[in-house]
Amino acid sequence: MPRAVAHWVMRLCVAACFALPAGCGYSVNGSEPAPTSGYRWGSLYRENIHTVAVPIFTNRDFHRDVEFALTKAVISDIESHTPYKVVPMERADTVLEGEIASIRAGTLSLDPNSALPQEQLYSITVNYTWKEIRTGRILKEVRNFEQSTTYYPTLGEAQFDASQEGVERLALEITRSLQAPWGKDETVDGR
């Protein structure tokens, strides 16, 4: 190896040795303590939780069977978008309980010639709580969370189509809320 190249490699090695202990504020979970400020590499989800039970959501509204569709969609989203495994209550670390507070359908626009509804709004409002089973500590509590979708009866869309889309969007947002908090745990109203 030419002398100039060997000298350059030696300088590079010495520079790397001085740079390594200084670090850059990033760490991979488990490799060293988390920095007090800056970024930290890790999971978006709580690493001390592995399982969650999801009982069928209760329904305080007269629209029936939406609670079954919502529960099924939440379970599916948890299984496919989080590291958590959905299990029966007796084997779970946590439980996600929820209720459908209300379901509303209303008209957004009418046909100017016939006064028939053109655009309809379908809104589902839920309350849910995610808590540790062993300690009873509430990890997430959300009240009056609403998801709305639109549908067009004049184009052949039915309220059922809006219900399904609303349930799928709602389930995805509920699942996203299971991510570990950036700051402290909190109770959220409408978010």
Protein backbone atom coordinates (compact mmCIF):
# COMPACT_ATOMS: atom_id res chain seq x y z
CA MET A 1 0.00 0.00 0.00
CA PRO A 2 1.44 3.39 -0.91
CA ARG A 3 2.61 5.50 1.99
CA ALA A 4 0.14 8.38 1.29
CA VAL A 5 -2.85 5.99 1.32
CA ALA A 6 -1.69 4.33 4.55
CA HIS A 7 -1.30 7.74 6.19
CA TRP A 8 -4.83 8.75 5.02
CA VAL A 9 -6.36 5.48 6.36
CA MET A 10 -4.61 6.01 9.71
CA ARG A 11 -6.01 9.53 10.01
CA LEU A 12 -9.49 8.28 9.16
CA CYS A 13 -9.29 5.57 11.85
CA VAL A 14 -8.13 8.07 14.49
CA ALA A 15 -10.94 10.49 13.58
CA ALA A 16 -13.49 7.66 13.82
CA CYS A 17 -12.20 6.69 17.27
CA PHE A 18 -12.73 10.24 18.55
CA ALA A 19 -16.15 10.61 16.90
CA LEU A 20 -17.66 7.35 18.22
CA PRO A 21 -17.74 8.18 21.94
CA ALA A 22 -19.27 11.60 21.26
CA GLY A 23 -22.31 10.11 19.54
CA CYS A 24 -25.04 12.10 17.88
CA GLY A 25 -27.97 11.82 20.26
CA TYR A 26 -29.53 8.78 18.66
CA SER A 27 -29.80 5.37 20.20
CA VAL A 28 -31.47 2.11 19.33
CA ASN A 29 -33.80 0.90 22.10
CA GLY A 30 -31.98 -1.41 24.45
CA SER A 31 -28.50 -0.38 23.37
CA GLU A 32 -28.09 2.55 25.78
CA PRO A 33 -30.22 4.88 27.87
CA ALA A 34 -32.53 7.20 25.96
CA PRO A 35 -31.20 10.70 25.49
CA THR A 36 -32.74 13.46 27.57
CA SER A 37 -33.38 15.49 24.43
CA GLY A 38 -33.25 14.88 20.71
CA TYR A 39 -34.40 11.87 18.75
CA ARG A 40 -34.57 8.24 19.78
CA TRP A 41 -34.88 5.24 17.50
CA GLY A 42 -37.53 2.82 18.64
CA SER A 43 -41.01 1.46 18.16
CA LEU A 44 -44.03 3.71 17.87
CA TYR A 45 -45.78 1.30 20.20
CA ARG A 46 -45.35 0.48 23.87
CA GLU A 47 -42.69 -2.19 24.25
CA ASN A 48 -43.97 -3.45 27.61
CA ILE A 49 -47.34 -4.46 26.10
CA HIS A 50 -47.75 -7.53 23.93
CA THR A 51 -51.45 -8.43 23.99
CA VAL A 52 -54.80 -6.66 23.97
CA ALA A 53 -58.36 -7.88 24.46
CA VAL A 54 -61.10 -6.20 22.42
CA PRO A 55 -64.62 -6.99 23.68
CA ILE A 56 -67.51 -6.14 21.36
CA PHE A 57 -68.20 -2.41 21.45
CA THR A 58 -71.48 -1.50 23.12
CA ASN A 59 -74.05 0.49 21.17
CA ARG A 60 -76.22 3.21 22.67
CA ASP A 61 -77.79 4.07 19.31
CA PHE A 62 -80.73 2.45 17.53
CA HIS A 63 -78.63 1.64 14.41
CA ARG A 64 -77.89 -2.05 14.99
CA ASP A 65 -74.94 -4.27 14.06
CA VAL A 66 -72.53 -1.35 13.61
CA GLU A 67 -70.87 -2.40 16.88
CA PHE A 68 -70.00 -5.82 15.42
CA ALA A 69 -68.51 -4.32 12.25
CA LEU A 70 -66.51 -1.79 14.27
CA THR A 71 -65.13 -4.40 16.69
CA LYS A 72 -64.12 -6.67 13.80
CA ALA A 73 -62.41 -3.77 11.99
CA VAL A 74 -60.54 -2.67 15.15
CA ILE A 75 -59.29 -6.23 15.76
CA SER A 76 -58.19 -6.55 12.15
CA ASP A 77 -56.34 -3.22 12.23
CA ILE A 78 -54.61 -4.00 15.54
CA GLU A 79 -53.43 -7.34 14.16
CA SER A 80 -52.19 -5.88 10.87
CA HIS A 81 -50.83 -2.45 11.90
CA THR A 82 -49.42 -2.92 15.41
CA PRO A 83 -47.06 -5.36 17.14
CA TYR A 84 -49.88 -6.28 19.57
CA LYS A 85 -51.67 -9.61 19.46
CA VAL A 86 -55.44 -9.70 20.09
CA VAL A 87 -56.23 -12.41 22.65
CA PRO A 88 -59.05 -13.33 25.06
CA MET A 89 -59.40 -11.19 28.20
CA GLU A 90 -57.89 -13.82 30.53
CA ARG A 91 -54.58 -13.80 28.59
CA ALA A 92 -54.34 -10.08 27.75
CA ASP A 93 -52.02 -7.39 29.12
CA THR A 94 -54.53 -4.67 28.23
CA VAL A 95 -58.17 -4.22 27.25
CA LEU A 96 -59.65 -1.82 24.69
CA GLU A 97 -63.29 -1.15 25.57
CA GLY A 98 -65.56 1.13 23.61
CA GLU A 99 -69.09 2.24 22.98
CA ILE A 100 -70.87 3.78 20.05
CA ALA A 101 -72.40 6.92 21.55
CA SER A 102 -74.38 7.99 18.49
CA ILE A 103 -74.86 7.53 14.78
CA ARG A 104 -76.33 10.36 12.74
CA ALA A 105 -77.30 10.67 9.11
CA GLY A 106 -78.13 14.02 7.59
CA THR A 107 -78.53 15.81 4.30
CA LEU A 108 -75.73 18.04 3.07
CA SER A 109 -77.19 19.07 -0.29
CA LEU A 110 -80.43 18.80 -2.25
CA ASP A 111 -80.99 18.61 -5.98
CA PRO A 112 -82.11 22.13 -6.95
CA ASN A 113 -84.73 20.81 -9.41
CA SER A 114 -86.28 17.91 -7.49
CA ALA A 115 -85.33 18.64 -3.86
CA LEU A 116 -84.09 15.05 -3.53
CA PRO A 117 -81.06 14.54 -1.25
CA GLN A 118 -77.86 14.50 -3.29
CA GLU A 119 -75.12 14.34 -0.68
CA GLN A 120 -75.67 12.72 2.72
CA LEU A 121 -73.42 12.75 5.78
CA TYR A 122 -73.07 9.69 8.02
CA SER A 123 -71.34 10.29 11.39
CA ILE A 124 -70.36 7.79 14.08
CA THR A 125 -69.36 9.04 17.54
CA VAL A 126 -67.54 6.70 19.94
CA ASN A 127 -65.99 6.68 23.40
CA TYR A 128 -63.20 4.24 24.17
CA THR A 129 -60.73 3.39 26.92
CA TRP A 130 -57.51 1.39 26.72
CA LYS A 131 -56.21 0.20 30.07
CA GLU A 132 -53.82 -2.25 31.66
CA ILE A 133 -55.69 -5.21 33.12
CA ARG A 134 -53.30 -5.99 36.00
CA THR A 135 -53.01 -2.45 37.38
CA GLY A 136 -56.15 -0.79 36.02
CA ARG A 137 -54.03 2.14 34.76
CA ILE A 138 -55.69 3.95 31.86
CA LEU A 139 -53.34 4.21 28.89
CA LYS A 140 -55.72 6.12 26.61
CA GLU A 141 -59.22 7.48 27.08
CA VAL A 142 -61.08 9.25 24.29
CA ARG A 143 -64.56 10.76 24.51
CA ASN A 144 -66.79 11.99 21.69
CA PHE A 145 -64.50 10.86 18.88
CA GLU A 146 -66.40 11.34 15.62
CA GLN A 147 -65.77 9.99 12.15
CA SER A 148 -67.89 11.19 9.22
CA THR A 149 -68.27 9.97 5.67
CA THR A 150 -70.43 11.13 2.78
CA TYR A 151 -72.53 9.15 0.37
CA TYR A 152 -74.68 9.94 -2.65
CA PRO A 153 -78.09 8.20 -2.79
CA THR A 154 -78.74 9.63 -6.27
CA LEU A 155 -75.70 7.69 -7.50
CA GLY A 156 -76.91 4.44 -5.97
CA GLU A 157 -74.88 4.59 -2.76
CA ALA A 158 -76.69 3.40 0.34
CA GLN A 159 -76.32 4.29 4.01
CA PHE A 160 -74.75 0.85 4.48
CA ASP A 161 -71.84 1.88 2.22
CA ALA A 162 -71.25 5.00 4.32
CA SER A 163 -71.47 2.93 7.51
CA GLN A 164 -68.80 0.52 6.29
CA GLU A 165 -66.46 3.30 5.20
CA GLY A 166 -67.01 5.15 8.48
CA VAL A 167 -66.32 2.01 10.51
CA GLU A 168 -63.09 1.32 8.61
CA ARG A 169 -61.83 4.89 9.06
CA LEU A 170 -62.80 4.88 12.73
CA ALA A 171 -61.04 1.55 13.36
CA LEU A 172 -57.85 2.85 11.74
CA GLU A 173 -57.86 6.00 13.88
CA ILE A 174 -58.52 4.00 17.06
CA THR A 175 -55.62 1.71 16.18
CA ARG A 176 -53.33 4.67 15.51
CA SER A 177 -54.17 6.04 18.95
CA LEU A 178 -52.58 2.95 20.52
CA GLN A 179 -49.14 4.31 19.69
CA ALA A 180 -46.93 5.24 22.61
CA PRO A 181 -47.39 8.85 23.70
CA TRP A 182 -44.79 11.48 22.87
CA GLY A 183 -45.22 13.08 26.25
CA LYS A 184 -47.37 11.93 29.13
CA ASP A 185 -50.55 9.82 28.97
CA GLU A 186 -53.66 11.92 28.62
CA THR A 187 -57.40 11.89 28.31
CA VAL A 188 -58.60 13.27 25.02
CA ASP A 189 -62.00 14.75 24.23
CA GLY A 190 -62.94 14.45 20.57
CA ARG A 191 -59.45 13.58 19.30
